[in-house]
């Protein structure tokens, strides 16, 4: 053996240990899981969650109007925006709603019943109520007997949800079951 040949000290082998490789593989699996979740079609879960969000905004505005002894305005626009505002009685209007108070439905969603055809009340799906007011007493002014806000997926028209609001201020969230052709109330 030549005197200048380098030797590796004992215990300092080149390469990675099994534990190090497992840590790297676990990290890559976690990243792949996050990536796949982000690539999933958002409509699979956002139609119902968007309906839940709208229902929560309606309930928040109505409760705040009662607490402040004012009124709430719930308004929707055909372009997918909605607002739930609170102010003094008689002071609210759709045209007076500042641009920063409008919220938008998630991308890939719009107003309408998609393949549902009927609303949760069994009536033919109709136009959205332009605006509904709720007063300091908690009573609301929906079109008789309910305001129905239907939301659909643009890419998957069988994915439909709805929010209903009655004159007493009761809010319900519904999901369309395309397989059975019926609406089911969604637990909140």
N, C-alpha and C. Protein backbone atom coordinates (compact mmCIF):
# COMPACT_ATOMS: atom_id res chain seq x y z
N UNK A 1 0.84 -1.16 0.00
CA UNK A 1 0.00 0.00 0.00
C UNK A 1 0.89 1.23 0.00
N UNK A 2 0.54 2.17 -0.86
CA UNK A 2 1.33 3.39 -0.98
C UNK A 2 1.11 4.27 0.22
N UNK A 3 2.16 4.94 0.68
CA UNK A 3 2.02 5.77 1.88
C UNK A 3 1.11 6.97 1.67
N UNK A 4 0.84 7.43 0.45
CA UNK A 4 0.01 8.62 0.25
C UNK A 4 -1.46 8.30 -0.02
N UNK A 5 -1.86 7.08 0.04
CA UNK A 5 -3.25 6.72 -0.24
C UNK A 5 -4.12 7.15 0.93
N UNK A 6 -5.15 7.98 0.65
CA UNK A 6 -6.02 8.43 1.76
C UNK A 6 -6.87 7.28 2.27
N UNK A 7 -7.11 7.30 3.53
CA UNK A 7 -7.94 6.27 4.15
C UNK A 7 -9.11 6.96 4.84
N UNK A 8 -10.27 6.33 4.80
CA UNK A 8 -11.44 6.87 5.50
C UNK A 8 -11.39 6.42 6.94
N UNK A 9 -11.56 7.36 7.86
CA UNK A 9 -11.59 6.95 9.27
C UNK A 9 -12.81 6.06 9.53
N UNK A 10 -12.71 5.21 10.48
CA UNK A 10 -13.81 4.30 10.82
C UNK A 10 -15.05 5.09 11.23
N UNK A 11 -16.25 4.67 10.77
CA UNK A 11 -17.50 5.32 11.16
C UNK A 11 -17.84 6.52 10.31
N UNK A 12 -17.05 6.90 9.35
CA UNK A 12 -17.34 8.07 8.53
C UNK A 12 -17.54 7.63 7.08
N UNK A 13 -18.47 6.71 6.88
CA UNK A 13 -18.73 6.18 5.55
C UNK A 13 -19.41 7.23 4.68
N UNK A 14 -19.16 7.22 3.39
CA UNK A 14 -19.82 8.13 2.47
C UNK A 14 -21.26 7.67 2.27
N UNK A 15 -22.19 8.62 1.98
CA UNK A 15 -23.59 8.28 1.73
C UNK A 15 -24.47 8.71 2.88
N UNK A 16 -25.73 8.29 2.79
CA UNK A 16 -26.72 8.70 3.78
C UNK A 16 -27.17 7.48 4.57
N UNK A 17 -27.55 7.71 5.81
CA UNK A 17 -28.07 6.62 6.63
C UNK A 17 -29.54 6.40 6.26
N UNK A 18 -30.07 5.29 6.66
CA UNK A 18 -31.48 4.97 6.39
C UNK A 18 -32.40 6.00 7.05
N UNK A 19 -32.05 6.46 8.24
CA UNK A 19 -32.87 7.45 8.94
C UNK A 19 -32.90 8.77 8.17
N UNK A 20 -31.75 9.19 7.64
CA UNK A 20 -31.70 10.43 6.86
C UNK A 20 -32.55 10.31 5.60
N UNK A 21 -32.49 9.18 4.93
CA UNK A 21 -33.30 8.98 3.73
C UNK A 21 -34.79 8.98 4.06
N UNK A 22 -35.18 8.39 5.19
CA UNK A 22 -36.59 8.39 5.59
C UNK A 22 -37.08 9.81 5.88
N UNK A 23 -36.26 10.62 6.51
CA UNK A 23 -36.64 12.02 6.79
C UNK A 23 -36.85 12.77 5.48
N UNK A 24 -35.98 12.61 4.53
CA UNK A 24 -36.11 13.28 3.23
C UNK A 24 -37.37 12.79 2.52
N UNK A 25 -37.62 11.49 2.51
CA UNK A 25 -38.82 10.94 1.87
C UNK A 25 -40.10 11.45 2.54
N UNK A 26 -40.10 11.55 3.84
CA UNK A 26 -41.28 12.05 4.56
C UNK A 26 -41.54 13.52 4.20
N UNK A 27 -40.49 14.31 4.10
CA UNK A 27 -40.64 15.72 3.73
C UNK A 27 -41.19 15.83 2.30
N UNK A 28 -40.67 15.02 1.39
CA UNK A 28 -41.17 15.04 0.02
C UNK A 28 -42.63 14.60 -0.05
N UNK A 29 -43.02 13.62 0.73
CA UNK A 29 -44.41 13.17 0.76
C UNK A 29 -45.33 14.27 1.27
N UNK A 30 -44.89 14.98 2.30
CA UNK A 30 -45.70 16.09 2.83
C UNK A 30 -45.86 17.18 1.79
N UNK A 31 -44.81 17.53 1.10
CA UNK A 31 -44.89 18.55 0.05
C UNK A 31 -45.80 18.09 -1.09
N UNK A 32 -45.71 16.85 -1.47
CA UNK A 32 -46.57 16.32 -2.54
C UNK A 32 -48.04 16.36 -2.11
N UNK A 33 -48.33 16.05 -0.87
CA UNK A 33 -49.70 16.09 -0.37
C UNK A 33 -50.26 17.50 -0.43
N UNK A 34 -49.48 18.48 0.02
CA UNK A 34 -49.91 19.88 -0.04
C UNK A 34 -50.12 20.31 -1.48
N UNK A 35 -49.21 19.97 -2.35
CA UNK A 35 -49.31 20.33 -3.76
C UNK A 35 -50.58 19.74 -4.37
N UNK A 36 -50.86 18.48 -4.12
CA UNK A 36 -52.05 17.84 -4.68
C UNK A 36 -53.32 18.48 -4.14
N UNK A 37 -53.34 18.84 -2.88
CA UNK A 37 -54.53 19.50 -2.31
C UNK A 37 -54.77 20.85 -2.98
N UNK A 38 -53.72 21.56 -3.29
CA UNK A 38 -53.86 22.86 -3.94
C UNK A 38 -54.29 22.71 -5.40
N UNK A 39 -54.01 21.59 -6.02
CA UNK A 39 -54.37 21.38 -7.42
C UNK A 39 -55.79 20.85 -7.60
N UNK A 40 -56.45 20.46 -6.50
CA UNK A 40 -57.79 19.90 -6.58
C UNK A 40 -58.76 20.97 -7.06
N UNK A 41 -59.78 20.59 -7.82
CA UNK A 41 -60.78 21.53 -8.31
C UNK A 41 -61.48 22.19 -7.12
N UNK A 42 -61.44 23.51 -7.01
CA UNK A 42 -61.99 24.18 -5.84
C UNK A 42 -63.50 24.02 -5.69
N UNK A 43 -64.23 23.80 -6.79
CA UNK A 43 -65.68 23.70 -6.70
C UNK A 43 -66.13 22.51 -5.86
N UNK A 44 -65.26 21.50 -5.72
CA UNK A 44 -65.64 20.32 -4.96
C UNK A 44 -66.05 20.72 -3.55
N UNK A 45 -65.42 21.71 -3.01
CA UNK A 45 -65.76 22.10 -1.65
C UNK A 45 -66.19 23.55 -1.52
N UNK A 46 -66.02 24.40 -2.51
CA UNK A 46 -66.33 25.80 -2.31
C UNK A 46 -67.78 26.17 -2.55
N UNK A 47 -68.57 25.38 -3.27
CA UNK A 47 -69.97 25.74 -3.47
C UNK A 47 -70.68 25.76 -2.12
N UNK A 48 -70.53 24.70 -1.34
CA UNK A 48 -71.15 24.67 -0.03
C UNK A 48 -70.50 25.67 0.93
N UNK A 49 -69.17 25.78 0.87
CA UNK A 49 -68.51 26.72 1.78
C UNK A 49 -68.85 28.16 1.42
N UNK A 50 -69.02 28.46 0.14
CA UNK A 50 -69.44 29.81 -0.26
C UNK A 50 -70.86 30.08 0.25
N UNK A 51 -71.73 29.09 0.19
CA UNK A 51 -73.08 29.25 0.72
C UNK A 51 -73.03 29.46 2.24
N UNK A 52 -72.17 28.71 2.91
CA UNK A 52 -72.00 28.89 4.37
C UNK A 52 -71.52 30.31 4.69
N UNK A 53 -70.59 30.81 3.88
CA UNK A 53 -70.06 32.16 4.08
C UNK A 53 -71.15 33.21 3.90
N UNK A 54 -71.95 33.08 2.84
CA UNK A 54 -73.04 34.01 2.60
C UNK A 54 -74.04 33.96 3.75
N UNK A 55 -74.41 32.76 4.20
CA UNK A 55 -75.34 32.62 5.32
C UNK A 55 -74.79 33.28 6.58
N UNK A 56 -73.51 33.10 6.85
CA UNK A 56 -72.90 33.72 8.03
C UNK A 56 -72.92 35.24 7.93
N UNK A 57 -72.68 35.77 6.74
CA UNK A 57 -72.71 37.22 6.55
C UNK A 57 -74.12 37.77 6.75
N UNK A 58 -75.13 37.05 6.25
CA UNK A 58 -76.52 37.48 6.45
C UNK A 58 -76.86 37.48 7.93
N UNK A 59 -76.50 36.41 8.63
CA UNK A 59 -76.79 36.33 10.07
C UNK A 59 -76.04 37.39 10.86
N UNK A 60 -74.78 37.64 10.50
CA UNK A 60 -73.99 38.67 11.19
C UNK A 60 -74.62 40.04 11.02
N UNK A 61 -74.98 40.38 9.78
CA UNK A 61 -75.56 41.70 9.52
C UNK A 61 -76.90 41.86 10.23
N UNK A 62 -77.73 40.83 10.19
CA UNK A 62 -79.03 40.89 10.85
C UNK A 62 -78.87 41.07 12.36
N UNK A 63 -77.98 40.30 12.98
CA UNK A 63 -77.76 40.41 14.42
C UNK A 63 -77.20 41.79 14.79
N UNK A 64 -76.31 42.30 13.96
CA UNK A 64 -75.74 43.63 14.23
C UNK A 64 -76.81 44.72 14.08
N UNK A 65 -77.71 44.56 13.12
CA UNK A 65 -78.79 45.54 12.94
C UNK A 65 -79.70 45.56 14.17
N UNK A 66 -79.99 44.38 14.72
CA UNK A 66 -80.81 44.30 15.93
C UNK A 66 -80.08 44.95 17.10
N UNK A 67 -78.80 44.65 17.26
CA UNK A 67 -78.01 45.19 18.37
C UNK A 67 -77.88 46.71 18.29
N UNK A 68 -77.73 47.23 17.07
CA UNK A 68 -77.56 48.68 16.89
C UNK A 68 -78.87 49.42 16.69
N UNK A 69 -79.97 48.67 16.67
CA UNK A 69 -81.29 49.24 16.38
C UNK A 69 -81.28 50.00 15.06
N UNK A 70 -80.66 49.37 14.08
CA UNK A 70 -80.58 49.94 12.74
C UNK A 70 -81.23 49.01 11.74
N UNK A 71 -80.60 48.86 10.58
CA UNK A 71 -81.09 47.92 9.58
C UNK A 71 -79.92 47.28 8.86
N UNK A 72 -80.21 46.14 8.27
CA UNK A 72 -79.21 45.43 7.49
C UNK A 72 -79.70 45.37 6.04
N UNK A 73 -78.77 45.44 5.13
CA UNK A 73 -79.05 45.29 3.71
C UNK A 73 -78.26 44.10 3.19
N UNK A 74 -78.95 43.17 2.57
CA UNK A 74 -78.28 42.04 1.91
C UNK A 74 -78.53 42.23 0.42
N UNK A 75 -77.45 42.36 -0.35
CA UNK A 75 -77.58 42.63 -1.78
C UNK A 75 -76.65 41.71 -2.57
N UNK A 76 -77.10 41.32 -3.75
CA UNK A 76 -76.28 40.52 -4.66
C UNK A 76 -76.30 41.18 -6.03
N UNK A 77 -75.22 41.00 -6.74
CA UNK A 77 -75.13 41.52 -8.10
C UNK A 77 -74.91 40.35 -9.05
N UNK A 78 -75.38 40.44 -10.29
CA UNK A 78 -75.23 39.34 -11.24
C UNK A 78 -73.78 38.93 -11.51
N UNK A 79 -72.83 39.83 -11.27
CA UNK A 79 -71.42 39.51 -11.55
C UNK A 79 -70.76 38.67 -10.46
N UNK A 80 -71.53 38.18 -9.47
CA UNK A 80 -70.97 37.30 -8.45
C UNK A 80 -70.57 38.01 -7.17
N UNK A 81 -70.92 39.28 -7.04
CA UNK A 81 -70.60 39.99 -5.80
C UNK A 81 -71.81 40.03 -4.88
N UNK A 82 -71.53 40.15 -3.57
CA UNK A 82 -72.59 40.30 -2.58
C UNK A 82 -72.10 41.18 -1.45
N UNK A 83 -73.05 41.78 -0.74
CA UNK A 83 -72.72 42.63 0.40
C UNK A 83 -73.79 42.43 1.47
N UNK A 84 -73.37 42.46 2.71
CA UNK A 84 -74.27 42.43 3.86
C UNK A 84 -73.82 43.58 4.76
N UNK A 85 -74.57 44.68 4.69
CA UNK A 85 -74.18 45.91 5.39
C UNK A 85 -75.14 46.24 6.51
N UNK A 86 -74.68 47.06 7.43
CA UNK A 86 -75.49 47.51 8.55
C UNK A 86 -75.35 49.03 8.65
N UNK A 87 -76.47 49.69 8.95
CA UNK A 87 -76.45 51.15 9.11
C UNK A 87 -77.73 51.61 9.78
N UNK A 88 -77.90 52.91 9.83
CA UNK A 88 -79.12 53.48 10.38
C UNK A 88 -80.29 53.15 9.46
N UNK A 89 -81.48 53.02 10.03
CA UNK A 89 -82.67 52.71 9.24
C UNK A 89 -82.85 53.75 8.15
N UNK A 90 -83.07 53.28 6.92
CA UNK A 90 -83.29 54.16 5.78
C UNK A 90 -82.03 54.72 5.14
N UNK A 91 -80.85 54.35 5.65
CA UNK A 91 -79.61 54.92 5.14
C UNK A 91 -78.88 54.04 4.13
N UNK A 92 -79.33 52.81 3.95
CA UNK A 92 -78.59 51.87 3.11
C UNK A 92 -79.21 51.73 1.73
N UNK A 93 -78.35 51.57 0.72
CA UNK A 93 -78.81 51.29 -0.63
C UNK A 93 -77.73 50.51 -1.37
N UNK A 94 -78.14 49.81 -2.43
CA UNK A 94 -77.18 49.07 -3.24
C UNK A 94 -76.20 50.04 -3.88
N UNK A 95 -76.71 51.13 -4.43
CA UNK A 95 -75.83 52.09 -5.12
C UNK A 95 -74.91 52.82 -4.16
N UNK A 96 -75.31 52.91 -2.89
CA UNK A 96 -74.47 53.60 -1.91
C UNK A 96 -73.48 52.69 -1.22
N UNK A 97 -73.39 51.44 -1.64
CA UNK A 97 -72.47 50.48 -1.02
C UNK A 97 -71.07 50.71 -1.57
N UNK A 98 -70.11 51.08 -0.70
CA UNK A 98 -68.74 51.30 -1.17
C UNK A 98 -68.15 50.03 -1.79
N UNK A 99 -67.27 50.20 -2.76
CA UNK A 99 -66.69 49.06 -3.48
C UNK A 99 -65.96 48.09 -2.56
N UNK A 100 -65.33 48.58 -1.49
CA UNK A 100 -64.60 47.68 -0.59
C UNK A 100 -65.51 46.81 0.27
N UNK A 101 -66.81 47.10 0.30
CA UNK A 101 -67.73 46.29 1.10
C UNK A 101 -68.36 45.15 0.31
N UNK A 102 -68.10 45.09 -1.00
CA UNK A 102 -68.60 43.98 -1.81
C UNK A 102 -67.63 42.81 -1.72
N UNK A 103 -68.15 41.62 -1.50
CA UNK A 103 -67.35 40.40 -1.53
C UNK A 103 -67.67 39.65 -2.81
N UNK A 104 -66.74 38.87 -3.30
CA UNK A 104 -66.95 38.10 -4.52
C UNK A 104 -67.02 36.62 -4.21
N UNK A 105 -67.84 35.92 -5.00
CA UNK A 105 -67.85 34.46 -4.91
C UNK A 105 -66.49 33.95 -5.37
N UNK A 106 -66.08 32.78 -4.93
CA UNK A 106 -64.80 32.21 -5.37
C UNK A 106 -64.77 32.03 -6.89
N UNK A 107 -63.57 32.05 -7.46
CA UNK A 107 -63.41 31.81 -8.90
C UNK A 107 -64.07 30.50 -9.28
N UNK A 108 -64.69 30.49 -10.45
CA UNK A 108 -65.33 29.28 -10.93
C UNK A 108 -66.73 29.07 -10.41
N UNK A 109 -67.29 30.07 -9.70
CA UNK A 109 -68.64 29.97 -9.16
C UNK A 109 -69.45 31.16 -9.61
N UNK A 110 -70.75 30.98 -9.64
CA UNK A 110 -71.66 32.08 -9.99
C UNK A 110 -73.01 31.86 -9.36
N UNK A 111 -73.86 32.86 -9.49
CA UNK A 111 -75.23 32.75 -9.01
C UNK A 111 -76.01 31.89 -10.00
N UNK A 112 -76.95 31.12 -9.52
CA UNK A 112 -77.82 30.34 -10.39
C UNK A 112 -77.92 28.91 -9.91
N UNK A 113 -78.95 28.22 -10.40
CA UNK A 113 -79.27 26.88 -9.91
C UNK A 113 -78.59 25.77 -10.69
N UNK A 114 -77.80 26.10 -11.72
CA UNK A 114 -77.12 25.05 -12.47
C UNK A 114 -78.10 24.00 -12.94
N UNK A 115 -77.79 22.74 -12.67
CA UNK A 115 -78.66 21.64 -13.08
C UNK A 115 -79.82 21.40 -12.13
N UNK A 116 -79.88 22.15 -11.02
CA UNK A 116 -80.93 21.89 -10.02
C UNK A 116 -82.32 22.13 -10.59
N UNK A 117 -82.54 23.21 -11.31
CA UNK A 117 -83.86 23.46 -11.91
C UNK A 117 -84.90 24.00 -10.94
N UNK A 118 -84.89 23.52 -9.71
CA UNK A 118 -85.81 24.04 -8.69
C UNK A 118 -84.99 24.57 -7.53
N UNK A 119 -85.64 25.39 -6.71
CA UNK A 119 -84.96 25.86 -5.51
C UNK A 119 -85.31 24.92 -4.34
N UNK A 120 -84.72 25.12 -3.16
CA UNK A 120 -85.00 24.21 -2.04
C UNK A 120 -86.47 24.17 -1.61
N UNK A 121 -87.26 25.17 -2.03
CA UNK A 121 -88.68 25.19 -1.67
C UNK A 121 -89.53 24.45 -2.69
N UNK A 122 -88.87 23.88 -3.74
CA UNK A 122 -89.58 23.12 -4.75
C UNK A 122 -90.13 23.98 -5.89
N UNK A 123 -89.85 25.27 -5.86
CA UNK A 123 -90.32 26.16 -6.92
C UNK A 123 -89.29 26.18 -8.04
N UNK A 124 -89.70 26.53 -9.26
CA UNK A 124 -88.71 26.68 -10.33
C UNK A 124 -87.66 27.71 -9.90
N UNK A 125 -86.40 27.42 -10.17
CA UNK A 125 -85.33 28.35 -9.79
C UNK A 125 -85.58 29.68 -10.48
N UNK A 126 -85.58 30.73 -9.70
CA UNK A 126 -85.88 32.05 -10.24
C UNK A 126 -84.71 32.99 -10.08
N UNK A 127 -84.95 34.25 -10.39
CA UNK A 127 -83.88 35.24 -10.26
C UNK A 127 -83.53 35.48 -8.79
N UNK A 128 -82.35 35.97 -8.59
CA UNK A 128 -81.91 36.29 -7.23
C UNK A 128 -82.65 37.52 -6.73
N UNK A 129 -82.92 37.58 -5.43
CA UNK A 129 -83.49 38.82 -4.90
C UNK A 129 -82.41 39.91 -4.98
N UNK A 130 -82.77 41.06 -5.51
CA UNK A 130 -81.80 42.14 -5.67
C UNK A 130 -81.33 42.66 -4.32
N UNK A 131 -82.25 42.84 -3.40
CA UNK A 131 -81.88 43.32 -2.09
C UNK A 131 -82.95 42.94 -1.08
N UNK A 132 -82.49 42.66 0.13
CA UNK A 132 -83.39 42.33 1.23
C UNK A 132 -82.94 43.18 2.42
N UNK A 133 -83.91 43.77 3.09
CA UNK A 133 -83.61 44.56 4.29
C UNK A 133 -84.09 43.79 5.51
N UNK A 134 -83.32 43.86 6.61
CA UNK A 134 -83.72 43.32 7.90
C UNK A 134 -83.69 44.48 8.88
N UNK A 135 -84.76 44.63 9.66
CA UNK A 135 -84.88 45.76 10.57
C UNK A 135 -84.34 45.48 11.96
N UNK A 136 -84.49 46.50 12.81
CA UNK A 136 -84.02 46.42 14.19
C UNK A 136 -84.76 45.35 14.98
N UNK A 137 -85.94 44.97 14.53
CA UNK A 137 -86.71 43.93 15.19
C UNK A 137 -86.32 42.52 14.73
N UNK A 138 -85.38 42.43 13.78
CA UNK A 138 -84.93 41.14 13.27
C UNK A 138 -85.75 40.62 12.12
N UNK A 139 -86.86 41.28 11.82
CA UNK A 139 -87.71 40.87 10.69
C UNK A 139 -87.06 41.31 9.38
N UNK A 140 -87.25 40.50 8.33
CA UNK A 140 -86.64 40.78 7.03
C UNK A 140 -87.72 40.95 5.96
N UNK A 141 -87.34 41.50 4.83
CA UNK A 141 -88.29 41.77 3.74
C UNK A 141 -87.98 40.96 2.49
N UNK A 142 -87.92 39.63 2.61
CA UNK A 142 -87.63 38.84 1.40
C UNK A 142 -88.85 38.79 0.50
N UNK A 143 -88.64 38.45 -0.77
CA UNK A 143 -89.80 38.19 -1.61
C UNK A 143 -90.59 37.04 -0.97
N UNK A 144 -91.90 37.11 -0.98
CA UNK A 144 -92.73 36.12 -0.27
C UNK A 144 -92.48 34.73 -0.82
N UNK A 145 -92.35 33.73 0.02
CA UNK A 145 -92.16 33.80 1.46
C UNK A 145 -90.68 33.79 1.86
N UNK A 146 -89.78 33.59 0.88
CA UNK A 146 -88.36 33.45 1.18
C UNK A 146 -87.52 34.16 0.14
N UNK A 147 -86.33 34.56 0.53
CA UNK A 147 -85.30 34.96 -0.44
C UNK A 147 -84.45 33.70 -0.65
N UNK A 148 -84.16 33.37 -1.90
CA UNK A 148 -83.36 32.19 -2.20
C UNK A 148 -82.16 32.62 -3.03
N UNK A 149 -80.96 32.35 -2.48
CA UNK A 149 -79.71 32.67 -3.17
C UNK A 149 -79.10 31.34 -3.61
N UNK A 150 -79.09 31.06 -4.90
CA UNK A 150 -78.51 29.81 -5.39
C UNK A 150 -77.12 30.08 -5.95
N UNK A 151 -76.20 29.15 -5.69
CA UNK A 151 -74.82 29.25 -6.15
C UNK A 151 -74.47 27.98 -6.90
N UNK A 152 -73.75 28.11 -7.99
CA UNK A 152 -73.40 26.94 -8.79
C UNK A 152 -71.93 27.00 -9.18
N UNK A 153 -71.41 25.84 -9.50
CA UNK A 153 -70.08 25.73 -10.06
C UNK A 153 -70.19 25.97 -11.55
N UNK A 154 -69.32 26.80 -12.10
CA UNK A 154 -69.34 27.04 -13.55
C UNK A 154 -68.86 25.82 -14.32
N UNK A 155 -67.91 25.09 -13.77
CA UNK A 155 -67.36 23.92 -14.46
C UNK A 155 -68.14 22.65 -14.23
N UNK A 156 -68.79 22.57 -13.09
CA UNK A 156 -69.56 21.37 -12.74
C UNK A 156 -70.96 21.81 -12.33
N UNK A 157 -71.87 22.03 -13.31
CA UNK A 157 -73.19 22.59 -13.01
C UNK A 157 -74.06 21.74 -12.10
N UNK A 158 -73.67 20.48 -11.83
CA UNK A 158 -74.43 19.67 -10.88
C UNK A 158 -74.07 20.00 -9.44
N UNK A 159 -73.02 20.79 -9.24
CA UNK A 159 -72.64 21.22 -7.89
C UNK A 159 -73.34 22.54 -7.61
N UNK A 160 -74.39 22.46 -6.77
CA UNK A 160 -75.22 23.62 -6.49
C UNK A 160 -75.50 23.67 -4.99
N UNK A 161 -75.53 24.88 -4.45
CA UNK A 161 -75.91 25.09 -3.05
C UNK A 161 -76.84 26.30 -3.02
N UNK A 162 -77.55 26.46 -1.93
CA UNK A 162 -78.48 27.58 -1.81
C UNK A 162 -78.52 28.06 -0.37
N UNK A 163 -78.89 29.32 -0.22
CA UNK A 163 -79.14 29.92 1.09
C UNK A 163 -80.55 30.48 1.04
N UNK A 164 -81.36 30.16 2.04
CA UNK A 164 -82.71 30.72 2.11
C UNK A 164 -82.81 31.62 3.33
N UNK A 165 -83.61 32.67 3.19
CA UNK A 165 -83.84 33.64 4.26
C UNK A 165 -85.34 33.92 4.28
N UNK A 166 -85.99 33.70 5.44
CA UNK A 166 -87.42 33.98 5.53
C UNK A 166 -87.66 35.31 6.23
N UNK A 167 -88.94 35.70 6.32
CA UNK A 167 -89.30 36.99 6.90
C UNK A 167 -88.91 37.11 8.37
N UNK A 168 -88.84 36.00 9.09
CA UNK A 168 -88.44 36.03 10.49
C UNK A 168 -86.93 36.12 10.66
N UNK A 169 -86.18 36.05 9.56
CA UNK A 169 -84.73 36.14 9.62
C UNK A 169 -84.04 34.80 9.75
N UNK A 170 -84.77 33.70 9.60
CA UNK A 170 -84.18 32.37 9.68
C UNK A 170 -83.40 32.08 8.40
N UNK A 171 -82.16 31.62 8.57
CA UNK A 171 -81.28 31.34 7.44
C UNK A 171 -80.97 29.85 7.40
N UNK A 172 -81.10 29.25 6.22
CA UNK A 172 -80.77 27.84 6.02
C UNK A 172 -79.81 27.71 4.85
N UNK A 173 -78.92 26.71 4.91
CA UNK A 173 -78.01 26.39 3.81
C UNK A 173 -78.42 25.03 3.27
N UNK A 174 -78.44 24.91 1.94
CA UNK A 174 -78.91 23.70 1.27
C UNK A 174 -77.87 23.23 0.27
N UNK A 175 -77.83 21.93 0.03
CA UNK A 175 -76.96 21.34 -1.00
C UNK A 175 -77.83 20.52 -1.94
N UNK A 176 -77.57 20.64 -3.23
CA UNK A 176 -78.29 19.90 -4.26
C UNK A 176 -77.64 18.53 -4.44
N UNK A 177 -78.43 17.48 -4.37
CA UNK A 177 -77.94 16.12 -4.62
C UNK A 177 -78.39 15.73 -6.02
N UNK A 178 -77.48 15.83 -6.97
CA UNK A 178 -77.82 15.57 -8.37
C UNK A 178 -78.34 14.15 -8.57
N UNK A 179 -77.79 13.19 -7.85
CA UNK A 179 -78.19 11.79 -8.00
C UNK A 179 -79.66 11.55 -7.67
N UNK A 180 -80.15 12.22 -6.63
CA UNK A 180 -81.55 12.04 -6.22
C UNK A 180 -82.44 13.17 -6.72
N UNK A 181 -81.84 14.24 -7.21
CA UNK A 181 -82.63 15.37 -7.69
C UNK A 181 -83.35 16.09 -6.58
N UNK A 182 -82.71 16.16 -5.41
CA UNK A 182 -83.36 16.80 -4.27
C UNK A 182 -82.38 17.67 -3.49
N UNK A 183 -82.94 18.55 -2.68
CA UNK A 183 -82.16 19.43 -1.81
C UNK A 183 -82.11 18.84 -0.41
N UNK A 184 -80.97 19.03 0.25
CA UNK A 184 -80.78 18.58 1.63
C UNK A 184 -80.25 19.75 2.44
N UNK A 185 -80.84 19.96 3.63
CA UNK A 185 -80.34 21.00 4.51
C UNK A 185 -78.93 20.61 4.99
N UNK A 186 -78.05 21.59 5.04
CA UNK A 186 -76.66 21.37 5.45
C UNK A 186 -76.51 21.80 6.89
N UNK A 187 -75.94 20.94 7.72
CA UNK A 187 -75.69 21.28 9.12
C UNK A 187 -74.68 22.41 9.19
N UNK A 188 -74.90 23.31 10.12
CA UNK A 188 -73.98 24.45 10.26
C UNK A 188 -73.41 24.53 11.63
